[in-house]
Protein backbone atom coordinates (compact mmCIF):
# COMPACT_ATOMS: atom_id res chain seq x y z
CA MET A 1 35.68 30.86 -43.96
CA ALA A 2 37.60 32.07 -40.69
CA LEU A 3 38.57 35.05 -42.91
CA ALA A 4 34.94 35.86 -43.62
CA PHE A 5 34.25 36.11 -40.07
CA LEU A 6 37.44 38.17 -39.30
CA PHE A 7 36.34 40.60 -42.15
CA GLY A 8 32.83 40.97 -40.97
CA ALA A 9 33.97 41.33 -37.29
CA LEU A 10 36.48 44.02 -38.22
CA GLY A 11 33.50 45.84 -40.24
CA GLY A 12 31.40 45.69 -37.10
CA LEU A 13 34.39 46.75 -35.04
CA ILE A 14 35.14 49.87 -37.06
CA ALA A 15 31.33 50.80 -36.96
CA GLU A 16 31.12 50.27 -33.26
CA ILE A 17 34.16 52.37 -32.64
CA ILE A 18 32.56 55.33 -34.70
CA LYS A 19 29.51 54.97 -32.79
CA ARG A 20 30.94 54.96 -29.39
CA TRP A 21 33.35 57.91 -30.34
CA ASP A 22 30.32 59.86 -31.31
CA GLN A 23 28.24 59.09 -28.02
CA PHE A 24 31.01 59.37 -25.51
CA GLY A 25 32.09 62.68 -27.09
CA SER A 26 28.95 64.25 -26.28
CA MET A 27 28.29 63.01 -22.82
CA GLU A 28 28.54 64.13 -19.25
CA ASP A 29 31.77 63.02 -17.42
CA ASP A 30 29.69 61.01 -14.82
CA LYS A 31 28.02 59.07 -17.26
CA PHE A 32 31.14 58.46 -19.33
CA LYS A 33 32.85 56.99 -16.37
CA ALA A 34 29.77 54.87 -15.64
CA LEU A 35 29.22 53.54 -19.25
CA SER A 36 33.22 53.08 -19.95
CA THR A 37 33.42 50.87 -17.06
CA SER A 38 30.12 48.91 -17.14
CA VAL A 39 30.49 45.27 -18.18
CA LYS A 40 26.77 45.62 -19.96
CA VAL A 41 28.31 47.85 -22.21
CA TRP A 42 31.37 45.64 -22.84
CA ALA A 43 29.39 42.80 -23.26
CA ALA A 44 27.08 44.49 -25.81
CA ILE A 45 30.07 45.58 -27.90
CA VAL A 46 31.38 42.10 -28.06
CA PHE A 47 27.91 40.74 -28.99
CA LEU A 48 27.71 43.26 -31.78
CA VAL A 49 31.12 42.75 -33.14
CA ILE A 50 30.33 38.93 -33.10
CA LEU A 51 27.24 39.87 -35.04
CA GLY A 52 29.29 41.43 -37.66
CA GLY A 53 31.44 38.50 -38.00
CA LEU A 54 28.47 36.45 -38.46
CA GLY A 55 27.15 38.65 -40.94
CA GLY A 56 30.31 38.49 -42.95
CA LEU A 57 30.26 34.73 -42.86
CA PHE A 58 26.32 34.54 -43.94
CA THR A 59 27.49 36.91 -46.99
CA TYR A 60 30.31 34.66 -47.57
CA GLN A 61 28.09 31.53 -47.71
CA GLN A 62 25.57 33.23 -49.86
CA ALA A 63 27.51 35.33 -52.28
CA THR A 64 29.24 33.30 -55.32
CA LYS A 65 32.04 36.18 -55.37
CA ALA A 66 32.70 37.83 -52.05
CA THR A 67 35.55 40.14 -51.79
CA TRP A 68 36.95 41.27 -48.58
CA GLN A 69 35.49 44.80 -48.96
CA PHE A 70 31.95 43.08 -49.47
CA LEU A 71 32.30 41.07 -46.44
CA PHE A 72 33.86 44.20 -44.44
CA VAL A 73 30.64 46.20 -45.29
CA SER A 74 28.15 43.24 -44.78
CA GLY A 75 29.69 42.70 -41.05
CA ALA A 76 29.03 46.39 -40.49
CA GLY A 77 25.71 46.37 -41.74
CA MET A 78 24.69 43.59 -40.06
CA MET A 79 25.80 44.98 -36.64
CA LEU A 80 24.04 48.27 -37.49
CA PHE A 81 20.90 46.49 -38.52
CA VAL A 82 20.81 44.60 -35.19
CA ARG A 83 21.74 48.02 -33.43
CA ASN A 84 18.87 49.90 -34.75
CA ILE A 85 16.18 47.31 -34.04
CA VAL A 86 17.34 47.17 -30.31
CA SER A 87 17.67 50.75 -30.31
CA ALA A 88 14.24 51.07 -31.43
CA ALA A 89 12.86 49.01 -28.98
CA ALA A 90 15.04 50.70 -26.26
CA LYS A 91 13.49 54.06 -27.12
CA HIS A 92 10.11 53.06 -25.88
CA GLN A 93 11.65 51.67 -22.59
CA PRO A 94 11.26 53.99 -19.68
CA ASP A 95 13.94 56.18 -18.33
CA HIS A 96 15.61 55.07 -14.97
CA LEU A 97 17.27 57.91 -13.17
CA GLY A 98 20.21 57.66 -10.82
CA GLY A 99 20.33 55.06 -7.87
CA GLU A 100 18.54 55.70 -4.84
CA GLU A 101 21.20 54.54 -2.47
CA GLY A 102 22.61 58.13 -1.84
CA ILE A 103 19.49 60.15 -2.02
CA GLY A 104 18.85 61.87 1.47
CA ARG A 105 22.31 61.17 2.93
CA GLY A 106 24.34 64.02 1.15
CA GLU A 107 25.94 61.55 -1.24
CA LYS A 108 25.85 61.78 -5.06
CA PRO A 109 23.46 59.10 -6.40
CA LYS A 110 24.93 56.41 -8.74
CA VAL A 111 24.50 56.87 -12.57
CA ALA A 112 21.93 54.23 -13.96
CA ILE A 113 22.73 52.64 -16.99
CA THR A 114 19.80 52.01 -19.30
CA LEU A 115 19.36 49.98 -22.53
CA LYS A 116 19.24 53.29 -24.30
CA ASP A 117 22.50 54.32 -23.15
CA ILE A 118 24.03 50.97 -24.46
CA PHE A 119 22.46 50.87 -27.90
CA ASN A 120 21.72 54.55 -28.91
């Protein structure tokens, strides 16, 4: 049972690495720095990988013959399913522009992290 969770989590982790590689590769430096050091982003990554593990565990409990490949793909699928639901909900959230602390004082405003940045 623990192996089912681990294979599912591994599937979720690989899917998340590929998604973040694509996202971070086409991003401005300020936004990349803000996202890569954000606790919210890392918490979302951990949450999605755990969901992948739970997907593998659920598949293991429901399938009569669950191979490690099936558990791996089930974990990635569960993680991507939840990511797409949250991403669709985030698409309709208003955009928040940078922080307003530095406006008018000659300082560069901070980069705001939105739900779209975390899950898209």
